[in-house]
N, C-alpha and C. Protein backbone atom coordinates (compact mmCIF):
# COMPACT_ATOMS: atom_id res chain seq x y z
N MET A 1 19.82 6.94 -1.87
CA MET A 1 18.13 7.58 -2.05
C MET A 1 17.83 8.41 -2.83
N GLU A 2 16.71 8.11 -3.65
CA GLU A 2 16.65 9.42 -4.58
C GLU A 2 14.73 9.51 -4.98
N PHE A 3 14.36 10.65 -4.87
CA PHE A 3 13.06 11.04 -5.53
C PHE A 3 13.11 10.48 -7.22
N VAL A 4 12.05 10.15 -7.83
CA VAL A 4 12.00 9.96 -8.82
C VAL A 4 10.45 10.22 -9.15
N ALA A 5 10.68 10.96 -10.21
CA ALA A 5 9.17 11.89 -10.88
C ALA A 5 8.47 11.23 -11.90
N VAL A 6 7.65 10.81 -12.12
CA VAL A 6 6.65 10.35 -13.54
C VAL A 6 5.30 11.13 -13.27
N THR A 7 4.47 11.28 -14.61
CA THR A 7 3.48 11.71 -14.81
C THR A 7 2.59 10.63 -15.14
N VAL A 8 1.18 10.87 -14.71
CA VAL A 8 0.16 9.90 -14.73
C VAL A 8 -0.98 10.55 -15.04
N ALA A 9 -1.64 10.43 -16.16
CA ALA A 9 -2.63 11.24 -16.56
C ALA A 9 -2.53 12.58 -16.39
N GLY A 10 -1.77 13.03 -17.03
CA GLY A 10 -0.93 14.21 -17.25
C GLY A 10 -0.89 15.00 -15.49
N VAL A 11 -0.44 14.24 -14.89
CA VAL A 11 -0.51 14.50 -13.24
C VAL A 11 1.13 14.59 -12.95
N GLY A 12 1.85 15.28 -12.46
CA GLY A 12 2.94 14.74 -11.80
C GLY A 12 3.39 13.92 -10.50
N ARG A 13 3.69 12.62 -10.02
CA ARG A 13 3.84 12.33 -9.04
C ARG A 13 5.29 11.94 -8.86
N ARG A 14 5.80 11.43 -7.95
CA ARG A 14 6.96 10.81 -7.29
C ARG A 14 6.65 9.44 -6.49
N TYR A 15 7.92 9.21 -6.41
CA TYR A 15 8.19 7.93 -5.42
C TYR A 15 9.77 8.30 -5.34
N LEU A 16 9.88 7.39 -3.75
CA LEU A 16 11.75 7.57 -3.34
C LEU A 16 12.09 6.41 -3.39
N LEU A 17 13.03 5.85 -4.08
CA LEU A 17 13.72 4.70 -4.67
C LEU A 17 15.15 4.23 -4.05
N ALA A 18 15.16 3.46 -3.72
CA ALA A 18 16.13 3.26 -2.77
C ALA A 18 16.68 1.41 -3.07
N GLY A 19 17.82 1.40 -2.39
CA GLY A 19 18.37 0.03 -2.36
C GLY A 19 18.51 -1.03 -3.80
N THR A 20 18.83 0.12 -4.74
CA THR A 20 19.11 -0.69 -6.21
C THR A 20 20.50 -0.68 -6.03
N SER A 21 20.81 -1.91 -6.94
CA SER A 21 22.48 -2.52 -6.67
C SER A 21 22.64 -2.78 -8.69
N SER A 22 23.56 -3.33 -8.52
CA SER A 22 24.09 -3.44 -9.83
C SER A 22 23.64 -4.89 -10.42
N ALA A 23 22.88 -5.82 -9.39
CA ALA A 23 22.37 -6.96 -9.42
C ALA A 23 21.16 -7.28 -10.35
N VAL A 24 21.13 -8.29 -11.32
CA VAL A 24 19.96 -8.40 -12.18
C VAL A 24 18.87 -9.31 -11.52
N GLY A 25 17.79 -8.64 -11.48
CA GLY A 25 16.93 -9.69 -11.34
C GLY A 25 16.52 -9.97 -9.94
N GLN A 26 16.93 -8.35 -8.84
CA GLN A 26 16.75 -8.40 -7.50
C GLN A 26 15.24 -8.54 -7.73
N PRO A 27 15.02 -8.84 -6.40
CA PRO A 27 13.26 -8.54 -5.90
C PRO A 27 12.67 -6.55 -5.90
N VAL A 28 11.80 -6.56 -5.71
CA VAL A 28 11.35 -5.41 -5.68
C VAL A 28 10.10 -5.09 -4.63
N VAL A 29 10.40 -4.31 -3.47
CA VAL A 29 9.37 -4.06 -2.61
C VAL A 29 8.40 -2.78 -2.69
N ILE A 30 7.71 -2.59 -2.93
CA ILE A 30 6.31 -1.18 -2.80
C ILE A 30 5.67 -1.26 -1.63
N VAL A 31 6.23 0.03 -0.79
CA VAL A 31 5.79 0.46 0.36
C VAL A 31 4.77 1.60 0.14
N LEU A 32 3.34 1.79 0.65
CA LEU A 32 2.24 2.58 0.65
C LEU A 32 2.14 3.25 1.88
N HIS A 33 2.69 4.48 2.28
CA HIS A 33 2.29 5.41 3.27
C HIS A 33 0.88 5.10 3.83
N GLY A 34 0.39 5.83 5.03
CA GLY A 34 -0.68 6.15 5.30
C GLY A 34 -1.53 7.31 5.33
N THR A 35 -2.86 7.67 5.62
CA THR A 35 -3.42 9.22 5.48
C THR A 35 -2.15 10.10 6.24
N GLY A 36 -1.79 10.83 5.19
CA GLY A 36 -1.12 12.25 6.11
C GLY A 36 0.52 12.05 6.08
N GLY A 37 0.77 10.99 5.58
CA GLY A 37 2.37 10.34 5.67
C GLY A 37 3.22 10.95 4.19
N THR A 38 4.13 10.84 3.91
CA THR A 38 5.41 10.64 3.18
C THR A 38 6.01 9.65 2.84
N ALA A 39 6.78 9.64 1.72
CA ALA A 39 7.57 8.56 1.32
C ALA A 39 9.08 9.01 2.31
N ALA A 40 9.43 10.08 2.71
CA ALA A 40 10.42 9.97 3.63
C ALA A 40 10.14 9.70 5.31
N TRP A 41 9.01 10.42 5.74
CA TRP A 41 8.44 9.61 7.01
C TRP A 41 8.43 8.63 7.02
N ALA A 42 7.77 7.88 5.58
CA ALA A 42 7.53 6.64 6.28
C ALA A 42 8.62 5.73 6.09
N ASP A 43 9.89 5.95 5.38
CA ASP A 43 10.99 5.09 5.66
C ASP A 43 11.81 5.59 6.97
N ASP A 44 11.82 6.81 7.62
CA ASP A 44 12.16 6.89 8.65
C ASP A 44 11.53 6.33 9.86
N GLU A 45 10.45 6.18 9.82
CA GLU A 45 9.19 5.21 10.82
C GLU A 45 9.38 3.93 10.47
N THR A 46 10.17 3.39 9.27
CA THR A 46 10.13 1.93 9.57
C THR A 46 11.33 1.20 9.22
N GLY A 47 12.26 2.30 8.52
CA GLY A 47 13.41 1.54 8.11
C GLY A 47 13.97 0.88 7.13
N TRP A 48 12.71 0.70 6.08
CA TRP A 48 12.95 -0.23 4.81
C TRP A 48 14.02 0.05 4.04
N SER A 49 14.62 1.43 3.73
CA SER A 49 15.81 1.66 2.86
C SER A 49 17.07 0.85 3.68
N ALA A 50 17.23 0.69 4.87
CA ALA A 50 18.26 0.20 5.50
C ALA A 50 18.00 -1.16 5.36
N VAL A 51 16.90 -1.86 5.55
CA VAL A 51 16.81 -3.28 5.33
C VAL A 51 16.70 -3.66 3.69
N ALA A 52 16.54 -3.04 2.60
CA ALA A 52 16.57 -3.30 1.19
C ALA A 52 18.33 -3.39 1.10
N ALA A 53 19.03 -1.96 1.50
CA ALA A 53 20.20 -2.00 1.30
C ALA A 53 20.91 -3.55 1.75
N ARG A 54 20.61 -3.99 3.20
CA ARG A 54 20.96 -5.18 3.91
C ARG A 54 20.67 -6.62 2.99
N GLU A 55 19.46 -6.62 2.64
CA GLU A 55 18.91 -8.00 2.14
C GLU A 55 19.12 -7.98 0.33
N GLY A 56 19.35 -6.59 -0.01
CA GLY A 56 19.26 -6.63 -1.69
C GLY A 56 18.28 -6.49 -2.34
N PHE A 57 17.75 -6.02 -2.15
CA PHE A 57 16.00 -5.84 -3.14
C PHE A 57 15.81 -4.31 -3.08
N ALA A 58 15.38 -3.90 -4.23
CA ALA A 58 15.10 -2.41 -4.49
C ALA A 58 13.78 -1.82 -3.95
N LEU A 59 13.56 -1.03 -3.44
CA LEU A 59 12.61 -0.68 -2.49
C LEU A 59 11.88 0.72 -3.16
N ALA A 60 11.13 1.20 -3.57
CA ALA A 60 10.09 2.11 -3.59
C ALA A 60 8.80 2.59 -2.94
N ILE A 61 8.77 3.93 -2.43
CA ILE A 61 7.77 4.54 -1.33
C ILE A 61 7.51 5.84 -2.34
N PRO A 62 6.02 4.98 -2.96
CA PRO A 62 5.58 6.27 -3.97
C PRO A 62 4.47 6.83 -2.57
N GLU A 63 4.52 8.04 -3.09
CA GLU A 63 3.61 8.94 -2.17
C GLU A 63 1.99 9.30 -2.94
N GLY A 64 1.43 9.59 -1.84
CA GLY A 64 0.03 10.11 -2.58
C GLY A 64 -0.44 11.51 -2.84
N LEU A 65 -1.51 11.45 -3.16
CA LEU A 65 -1.73 13.29 -3.14
C LEU A 65 -2.65 13.96 -2.03
N PRO A 66 -2.63 14.96 -2.13
CA PRO A 66 -3.41 15.55 -1.22
C PRO A 66 -4.80 15.97 -1.52
N PRO A 67 -5.75 16.53 -0.94
CA PRO A 67 -6.86 16.54 -1.78
C PRO A 67 -6.87 17.76 -2.32
N ASP A 68 -6.31 18.72 -1.61
CA ASP A 68 -5.82 20.13 -2.42
C ASP A 68 -4.43 20.28 -2.92
N PRO A 69 -4.49 19.98 -4.26
CA PRO A 69 -3.02 20.00 -4.68
C PRO A 69 -2.60 21.07 -5.28
N HIS A 70 -3.21 22.21 -4.77
CA HIS A 70 -2.79 23.53 -4.95
C HIS A 70 -2.02 24.03 -3.75
N LYS A 71 -2.21 23.21 -2.51
CA LYS A 71 -1.64 23.66 -1.57
C LYS A 71 -0.97 22.56 -0.97
N PRO A 72 0.29 23.42 0.07
CA PRO A 72 1.38 22.19 0.93
C PRO A 72 0.80 21.11 1.18
N PRO A 73 1.28 20.18 1.26
CA PRO A 73 0.45 18.95 1.81
C PRO A 73 0.68 18.84 3.63
N LYS A 74 -0.29 18.69 4.47
CA LYS A 74 -0.03 18.85 5.97
C LYS A 74 -1.11 17.97 6.26
N PHE A 75 -0.46 17.35 7.51
CA PHE A 75 -1.05 15.98 8.37
C PHE A 75 -2.50 15.85 8.45
N LEU A 76 -2.84 17.14 9.07
CA LEU A 76 -4.11 17.04 9.34
C LEU A 76 -5.13 17.80 8.50
N THR A 77 -4.83 19.01 7.74
CA THR A 77 -5.65 20.10 6.97
C THR A 77 -5.20 19.61 5.39
N ASN A 78 -3.99 18.84 4.98
CA ASN A 78 -4.54 18.65 3.81
C ASN A 78 -3.48 17.48 3.40
N PRO A 79 -3.91 16.21 4.05
CA PRO A 79 -2.85 14.82 3.90
C PRO A 79 -2.99 14.34 2.74
N GLN A 80 -1.79 13.92 2.59
CA GLN A 80 -1.64 12.72 1.32
C GLN A 80 -2.08 11.46 1.22
N ARG A 81 -2.37 11.09 0.37
CA ARG A 81 -3.44 9.71 0.91
C ARG A 81 -3.52 9.08 -0.46
N TRP A 82 -4.54 7.92 -0.46
CA TRP A 82 -4.65 6.92 -1.12
C TRP A 82 -6.07 7.17 -1.78
N THR A 83 -6.84 7.42 -2.98
CA THR A 83 -7.93 7.65 -3.10
C THR A 83 -8.31 5.86 -3.58
N GLU A 84 -7.88 4.91 -3.94
CA GLU A 84 -8.30 3.91 -4.09
C GLU A 84 -8.82 3.99 -6.01
N GLY A 85 -8.33 4.79 -6.57
CA GLY A 85 -9.32 5.24 -7.70
C GLY A 85 -8.07 4.92 -8.92
N THR A 86 -8.86 4.90 -10.14
CA THR A 86 -8.50 4.43 -11.29
C THR A 86 -6.53 5.17 -11.40
N GLU A 87 -6.69 6.64 -10.76
CA GLU A 87 -5.26 7.26 -10.91
C GLU A 87 -4.12 6.76 -10.24
N ASP A 88 -4.57 6.36 -9.12
CA ASP A 88 -3.65 5.62 -8.19
C ASP A 88 -3.29 3.93 -8.60
N VAL A 89 -4.19 3.84 -9.20
CA VAL A 89 -4.02 2.12 -9.37
C VAL A 89 -2.92 2.60 -10.61
N GLU A 90 -3.08 3.20 -11.36
CA GLU A 90 -2.34 3.49 -12.92
C GLU A 90 -0.99 4.00 -12.33
N PHE A 91 -1.10 4.76 -11.34
CA PHE A 91 0.52 5.35 -11.22
C PHE A 91 1.42 4.09 -10.61
N LEU A 92 0.85 3.24 -9.59
CA LEU A 92 1.34 2.12 -9.03
C LEU A 92 2.04 1.63 -10.26
N SER A 93 0.98 0.91 -11.06
CA SER A 93 1.49 0.26 -11.98
C SER A 93 2.50 0.91 -12.60
N THR A 94 2.67 2.33 -12.69
CA THR A 94 3.83 3.07 -13.56
C THR A 94 4.64 2.82 -12.69
N VAL A 95 5.02 3.15 -11.64
CA VAL A 95 6.01 2.91 -10.70
C VAL A 95 6.83 1.38 -10.68
N ILE A 96 5.80 0.17 -10.91
CA ILE A 96 6.19 -1.10 -10.74
C ILE A 96 7.18 -1.09 -11.82
N ALA A 97 6.76 -0.63 -13.19
CA ALA A 97 7.14 -0.82 -14.33
C ALA A 97 8.51 0.02 -14.29
N ASP A 98 8.78 1.15 -14.07
CA ASP A 98 9.63 1.71 -13.83
C ASP A 98 11.24 1.33 -13.23
N VAL A 99 10.82 1.04 -11.75
CA VAL A 99 11.67 0.35 -10.79
C VAL A 99 12.17 -0.99 -11.46
N LEU A 100 11.52 -1.82 -12.12
CA LEU A 100 11.60 -3.11 -12.71
C LEU A 100 13.08 -2.39 -13.98
N ARG A 101 12.80 -1.34 -14.99
CA ARG A 101 13.89 -1.24 -15.56
C ARG A 101 15.01 -0.31 -14.61
N ARG A 102 14.58 0.58 -13.84
CA ARG A 102 15.91 1.25 -13.28
C ARG A 102 16.81 0.23 -12.43
N ALA A 103 15.95 -0.72 -12.10
CA ALA A 103 16.64 -1.82 -10.96
C ALA A 103 17.22 -2.95 -11.75
N SER A 104 16.96 -3.30 -12.80
CA SER A 104 17.10 -4.72 -13.39
C SER A 104 16.18 -5.76 -12.64
N GLY A 105 15.07 -5.03 -12.00
CA GLY A 105 14.19 -6.18 -11.17
C GLY A 105 13.66 -7.25 -11.85
N ASP A 106 13.36 -8.44 -11.10
CA ASP A 106 12.68 -9.44 -11.39
C ASP A 106 11.44 -9.15 -11.27
N PRO A 107 10.30 -9.20 -12.54
CA PRO A 107 9.33 -9.04 -12.46
C PRO A 107 8.10 -9.61 -11.83
N ARG A 108 8.50 -11.33 -11.63
CA ARG A 108 7.91 -12.31 -10.47
C ARG A 108 8.28 -11.73 -9.41
N ARG A 109 8.76 -11.07 -9.04
CA ARG A 109 9.23 -10.78 -7.36
C ARG A 109 8.95 -9.48 -7.15
N VAL A 110 7.47 -8.93 -7.42
CA VAL A 110 7.12 -7.51 -6.91
C VAL A 110 6.28 -7.76 -5.75
N TYR A 111 6.78 -7.21 -4.51
CA TYR A 111 5.80 -7.17 -3.50
C TYR A 111 5.13 -5.70 -2.81
N LEU A 112 4.00 -5.66 -2.62
CA LEU A 112 3.16 -4.80 -2.22
C LEU A 112 3.12 -4.78 -0.50
N THR A 113 2.97 -3.57 0.11
CA THR A 113 2.81 -3.62 1.59
C THR A 113 2.23 -1.90 1.63
N GLY A 114 1.41 -1.85 2.52
CA GLY A 114 0.95 -0.97 3.07
C GLY A 114 0.65 -0.79 4.61
N PHE A 115 0.25 0.91 4.80
CA PHE A 115 -0.12 0.84 5.90
C PHE A 115 -1.34 2.04 6.03
N SER A 116 -2.50 1.01 6.71
CA SER A 116 -3.58 1.77 6.96
C SER A 116 -4.35 2.30 5.59
N ASN A 117 -4.33 3.47 5.31
CA ASN A 117 -5.02 3.90 4.17
C ASN A 117 -4.16 3.33 2.89
N GLY A 118 -2.65 3.23 3.05
CA GLY A 118 -1.69 2.17 1.91
C GLY A 118 -2.12 1.08 2.14
N ALA A 119 -3.07 0.39 3.35
CA ALA A 119 -2.86 -1.48 3.24
C ALA A 119 -4.57 -1.03 2.20
N ALA A 120 -5.51 -0.36 2.54
CA ALA A 120 -6.50 -0.09 1.75
C ALA A 120 -6.21 -0.35 -0.03
N MET A 121 -5.45 0.69 -0.42
CA MET A 121 -4.73 0.90 -1.44
C MET A 121 -4.22 -0.40 -1.72
N ALA A 122 -3.16 -0.95 -1.42
CA ALA A 122 -2.71 -2.45 -1.29
C ALA A 122 -3.25 -3.39 -1.50
N PHE A 123 -4.61 -3.70 -0.89
CA PHE A 123 -6.05 -4.66 -1.52
C PHE A 123 -6.22 -3.91 -2.41
N ARG A 124 -6.67 -3.02 -3.02
CA ARG A 124 -7.01 -2.39 -4.50
C ARG A 124 -6.59 -2.65 -5.05
N PHE A 125 -4.80 -2.12 -4.81
CA PHE A 125 -4.21 -2.76 -5.96
C PHE A 125 -4.08 -4.45 -6.62
N ALA A 126 -3.80 -5.06 -5.45
CA ALA A 126 -4.31 -6.69 -5.56
C ALA A 126 -5.68 -7.10 -6.26
N ALA A 127 -6.55 -6.60 -5.81
CA ALA A 127 -7.81 -7.01 -7.02
C ALA A 127 -8.00 -6.34 -8.00
N GLU A 128 -7.03 -5.27 -8.87
CA GLU A 128 -6.97 -5.10 -9.79
C GLU A 128 -6.06 -5.20 -10.70
N ARG A 129 -4.79 -5.66 -10.34
CA ARG A 129 -3.73 -5.90 -11.12
C ARG A 129 -2.84 -7.04 -10.34
N ALA A 130 -3.58 -7.85 -9.89
CA ALA A 130 -2.84 -8.98 -9.38
C ALA A 130 -1.66 -9.89 -9.96
N GLU A 131 -1.67 -9.97 -11.33
CA GLU A 131 -0.81 -10.29 -12.24
C GLU A 131 0.62 -9.39 -12.21
N LEU A 132 0.40 -8.34 -11.64
CA LEU A 132 2.08 -7.62 -11.54
C LEU A 132 2.60 -8.15 -10.05
N LEU A 133 2.01 -8.82 -9.20
CA LEU A 133 2.39 -8.96 -8.00
C LEU A 133 2.78 -10.63 -7.78
N ALA A 134 3.84 -10.84 -6.79
CA ALA A 134 4.22 -11.73 -6.20
C ALA A 134 3.03 -11.86 -5.04
N ALA A 135 2.82 -11.12 -4.53
CA ALA A 135 2.35 -11.39 -2.69
C ALA A 135 1.97 -9.94 -2.21
N VAL A 136 1.01 -9.67 -1.38
CA VAL A 136 0.47 -8.71 -0.96
C VAL A 136 0.71 -8.45 0.59
N ALA A 137 0.90 -7.54 1.16
CA ALA A 137 1.40 -7.56 3.03
C ALA A 137 0.38 -6.35 3.20
N PRO A 138 -0.95 -6.09 3.71
CA PRO A 138 -1.63 -5.00 4.20
C PRO A 138 -1.63 -4.80 5.53
N VAL A 139 -1.11 -3.71 6.09
CA VAL A 139 -1.05 -3.58 7.74
C VAL A 139 -1.89 -2.64 8.04
N ALA A 140 -2.72 -3.03 9.00
CA ALA A 140 -3.68 -2.01 9.94
C ALA A 140 -4.81 -1.38 8.78
N GLY A 141 -5.17 -1.92 8.23
CA GLY A 141 -6.25 -1.54 7.08
C GLY A 141 -7.13 -2.47 6.39
N TYR A 142 -8.34 -2.12 6.19
CA TYR A 142 -9.29 -3.01 5.59
C TYR A 142 -8.99 -3.30 4.01
N CYS A 143 -9.90 -4.24 3.47
CA CYS A 143 -10.00 -4.47 2.40
C CYS A 143 -11.31 -3.78 1.98
N GLU A 144 -11.06 -2.18 1.28
CA GLU A 144 -12.60 -2.02 0.99
C GLU A 144 -13.10 -2.13 -0.29
N VAL A 145 -12.30 -3.10 -1.00
CA VAL A 145 -13.30 -3.50 -2.30
C VAL A 145 -14.47 -4.19 -2.09
N PRO A 146 -15.67 -3.72 -2.61
CA PRO A 146 -16.76 -4.57 -2.23
C PRO A 146 -16.82 -5.78 -2.81
N ASP A 147 -16.53 -5.99 -3.76
CA ASP A 147 -16.76 -7.55 -4.66
C ASP A 147 -15.14 -7.66 -5.06
N PRO A 148 -14.06 -8.20 -5.07
CA PRO A 148 -13.22 -8.19 -5.30
C PRO A 148 -12.58 -9.51 -6.16
N LYS A 149 -11.84 -9.21 -7.10
CA LYS A 149 -12.20 -10.20 -8.24
C LYS A 149 -10.75 -10.74 -8.80
N PRO A 150 -9.65 -10.83 -8.15
CA PRO A 150 -8.45 -10.75 -8.58
C PRO A 150 -8.20 -11.84 -9.53
N SER A 151 -7.29 -11.31 -10.77
CA SER A 151 -7.11 -12.22 -11.70
C SER A 151 -6.58 -13.45 -11.26
N ARG A 152 -5.82 -13.50 -10.22
CA ARG A 152 -5.30 -15.04 -9.93
C ARG A 152 -5.04 -14.72 -8.37
N PRO A 153 -5.58 -15.86 -7.83
CA PRO A 153 -5.09 -15.83 -6.09
C PRO A 153 -3.39 -15.00 -5.55
N VAL A 154 -3.64 -14.14 -4.62
CA VAL A 154 -2.47 -13.22 -4.62
C VAL A 154 -2.34 -14.20 -3.21
N PRO A 155 -0.82 -14.50 -2.86
CA PRO A 155 -0.22 -14.91 -1.33
C PRO A 155 -0.59 -13.85 -0.43
N THR A 156 -1.27 -13.13 0.26
CA THR A 156 -1.47 -12.65 1.45
C THR A 156 -1.04 -12.28 2.83
N LEU A 157 -0.87 -11.93 3.25
CA LEU A 157 -0.39 -11.37 4.80
C LEU A 157 -0.68 -10.22 5.53
N THR A 158 -1.38 -10.21 6.43
CA THR A 158 -2.23 -9.16 6.97
C THR A 158 -1.91 -8.87 8.02
N VAL A 159 -2.03 -7.95 8.84
CA VAL A 159 -1.14 -7.63 10.04
C VAL A 159 -1.97 -6.63 10.83
N ILE A 160 -2.38 -7.01 11.57
CA ILE A 160 -3.58 -6.02 12.57
C ILE A 160 -3.48 -5.79 14.14
N GLY A 161 -3.12 -4.76 14.66
CA GLY A 161 -2.73 -4.77 15.95
C GLY A 161 -4.51 -4.39 16.70
N THR A 162 -4.20 -5.55 18.03
CA THR A 162 -5.40 -5.41 18.95
C THR A 162 -5.49 -4.51 19.58
N ALA A 163 -4.80 -3.36 19.48
CA ALA A 163 -5.20 -1.97 20.52
C ALA A 163 -5.13 -0.90 19.26
N ASP A 164 -5.60 -1.09 18.41
CA ASP A 164 -5.20 -0.17 17.19
C ASP A 164 -6.47 0.49 17.46
N PRO A 165 -6.30 2.23 17.45
CA PRO A 165 -7.40 2.86 17.69
C PRO A 165 -8.67 3.41 16.39
N LEU A 166 -7.90 2.97 15.73
CA LEU A 166 -8.39 3.45 14.29
C LEU A 166 -8.73 2.22 13.30
N VAL A 167 -8.44 1.35 14.02
CA VAL A 167 -8.70 0.33 13.09
C VAL A 167 -9.19 -1.03 14.10
N PRO A 168 -10.05 -0.93 14.91
CA PRO A 168 -10.76 -1.62 16.23
C PRO A 168 -10.62 -3.20 15.43
N LEU A 169 -10.41 -4.12 16.02
CA LEU A 169 -10.64 -5.37 16.06
C LEU A 169 -12.03 -6.01 15.51
N ARG A 170 -12.78 -5.31 16.65
CA ARG A 170 -13.98 -5.88 16.55
C ARG A 170 -14.99 -4.67 16.07
N GLY A 171 -14.63 -3.57 15.49
CA GLY A 171 -15.11 -2.77 14.96
C GLY A 171 -15.65 -1.76 15.88
N GLY A 172 -16.56 -0.31 15.62
CA GLY A 172 -17.01 0.57 16.27
C GLY A 172 -16.97 1.60 16.06
N PRO A 173 -17.47 2.87 16.82
CA PRO A 173 -17.05 4.02 16.79
C PRO A 173 -15.56 4.60 16.67
N VAL A 174 -15.24 5.21 15.84
CA VAL A 174 -13.81 5.77 16.07
C VAL A 174 -14.04 7.51 15.60
N ARG A 175 -13.20 8.04 15.92
CA ARG A 175 -12.96 9.44 15.90
C ARG A 175 -11.82 9.77 15.02
N LEU A 176 -12.04 10.03 13.66
CA LEU A 176 -10.84 10.36 13.20
C LEU A 176 -10.24 11.76 13.56
N PRO A 177 -8.49 11.75 13.32
CA PRO A 177 -8.01 12.67 13.70
C PRO A 177 -8.27 14.03 12.36
N TRP A 178 -8.42 13.41 11.06
CA TRP A 178 -8.76 14.20 9.78
C TRP A 178 -10.21 14.92 10.32
N GLY A 179 -10.57 15.94 10.73
CA GLY A 179 -11.82 17.02 10.79
C GLY A 179 -12.63 16.43 12.33
N GLY A 180 -12.09 15.45 13.19
CA GLY A 180 -12.77 14.96 14.18
C GLY A 180 -13.95 14.43 13.81
N ARG A 181 -14.13 13.53 12.48
CA ARG A 181 -15.73 12.79 12.38
C ARG A 181 -15.41 11.81 13.15
N LEU A 182 -16.85 11.36 13.57
CA LEU A 182 -17.12 10.00 14.27
C LEU A 182 -17.71 9.25 13.00
N VAL A 183 -17.03 7.87 12.88
CA VAL A 183 -17.28 6.95 11.68
C VAL A 183 -17.27 5.74 12.43
N ASP A 184 -18.36 4.58 12.01
CA ASP A 184 -18.65 3.32 12.60
C ASP A 184 -17.84 2.60 11.64
N ARG A 185 -16.73 2.13 12.23
CA ARG A 185 -15.84 0.74 11.00
C ARG A 185 -16.43 -0.29 11.62
N PRO A 186 -16.67 -1.14 10.74
CA PRO A 186 -16.26 -2.56 10.50
C PRO A 186 -15.79 -3.64 11.72
N PRO A 187 -15.93 -4.74 11.75
CA PRO A 187 -15.19 -5.81 12.43
C PRO A 187 -14.00 -6.07 10.99
N VAL A 188 -12.83 -6.20 12.00
CA VAL A 188 -12.12 -6.49 10.78
C VAL A 188 -12.17 -7.94 9.78
N ALA A 189 -12.64 -8.82 10.89
CA ALA A 189 -12.84 -10.32 9.95
C ALA A 189 -13.56 -10.13 8.77
N GLU A 190 -15.00 -9.29 8.88
CA GLU A 190 -15.39 -9.08 7.50
C GLU A 190 -14.76 -8.49 6.55
N SER A 191 -14.04 -7.45 6.51
CA SER A 191 -13.12 -7.60 5.29
C SER A 191 -11.85 -8.66 5.14
N LEU A 192 -11.41 -9.32 5.88
CA LEU A 192 -10.74 -10.69 5.63
C LEU A 192 -11.44 -11.52 4.90
N GLU A 193 -12.64 -11.85 5.50
CA GLU A 193 -13.47 -12.74 5.13
C GLU A 193 -13.72 -12.46 3.71
N ARG A 194 -13.95 -11.52 3.35
CA ARG A 194 -14.47 -10.50 1.81
C ARG A 194 -13.24 -11.56 0.78
N TRP A 195 -12.11 -10.86 1.68
CA TRP A 195 -10.65 -11.10 0.79
C TRP A 195 -10.16 -12.68 0.51
N ALA A 196 -10.43 -13.38 1.67
CA ALA A 196 -10.26 -14.68 1.36
C ALA A 196 -10.81 -15.16 0.54
N LYS A 197 -12.19 -14.74 0.45
CA LYS A 197 -13.43 -15.46 -0.78
C LYS A 197 -13.03 -14.98 -2.02
N ALA A 198 -12.30 -14.07 -2.37
CA ALA A 198 -11.76 -13.45 -3.34
C ALA A 198 -10.41 -14.42 -3.54
N LEU A 199 -10.16 -15.19 -3.01
CA LEU A 199 -8.79 -15.82 -3.45
C LEU A 199 -9.24 -17.47 -3.24
N GLY A 200 -10.40 -17.60 -3.05
CA GLY A 200 -10.35 -18.99 -3.30
C GLY A 200 -10.12 -19.60 -1.78
N CYS A 201 -10.26 -19.02 -0.65
CA CYS A 201 -9.71 -19.64 0.47
C CYS A 201 -11.02 -19.55 1.41
N SER A 202 -10.95 -20.62 2.30
CA SER A 202 -12.34 -20.42 3.31
C SER A 202 -12.17 -19.52 4.20
N PRO A 203 -13.24 -18.92 4.28
CA PRO A 203 -13.55 -17.14 5.03
C PRO A 203 -13.37 -18.04 6.54
N VAL A 204 -13.27 -18.87 7.23
CA VAL A 204 -13.42 -19.73 8.63
C VAL A 204 -11.81 -19.84 8.68
N PRO A 205 -11.63 -18.97 9.78
CA PRO A 205 -10.51 -18.72 10.13
C PRO A 205 -9.92 -20.09 11.23
N GLU A 206 -8.60 -20.59 10.80
CA GLU A 206 -7.99 -21.98 11.29
C GLU A 206 -6.77 -21.17 12.53
N VAL A 207 -6.70 -21.80 13.77
CA VAL A 207 -5.80 -21.01 14.54
C VAL A 207 -4.52 -21.94 14.43
N VAL A 208 -3.54 -21.76 14.21
CA VAL A 208 -2.18 -22.30 13.91
C VAL A 208 -1.25 -21.99 14.88
């Protein structure tokens, strides 16, 4: 594994690159950490790099930026996170292009996943850069795009835990660990219905 530095809009960014091999046309997986996370922590927590080495795909774990870039990132007081703004969309586009070049990856097999705040960013990126993705898999997060209009339907897998304290399945008040703010979270179904409509799918769930 190695950290790769890139510059986007004049700002230095980095991502963790792993799993590259000499094989031409390998798949690429992009993993986005949650608020307060880091690339190394995300890999240690999930074991993605070990899976990439075993299964033969290139892995990139980009890092978000802290609110105060002049101070060191800290989980509670200066957490690295995704803002879902234009800069982060361009950063992830740059990461994908860079990984495809370095790993001789297949541009038709680029997959994006993210956890919590990273899941929201994954939805955002899929809404704005659908042409770059084969599929998206947000975990424990919302689609916060008010009216997503992806350029093509993106195959989507979402994973939500029924006991998640920060993303309650039916919505409700949540006290955030960052500053202790109390926020009102919507039901997860609202988010998924909005995304389903954007993909041209029925918003009515089917139990299988």
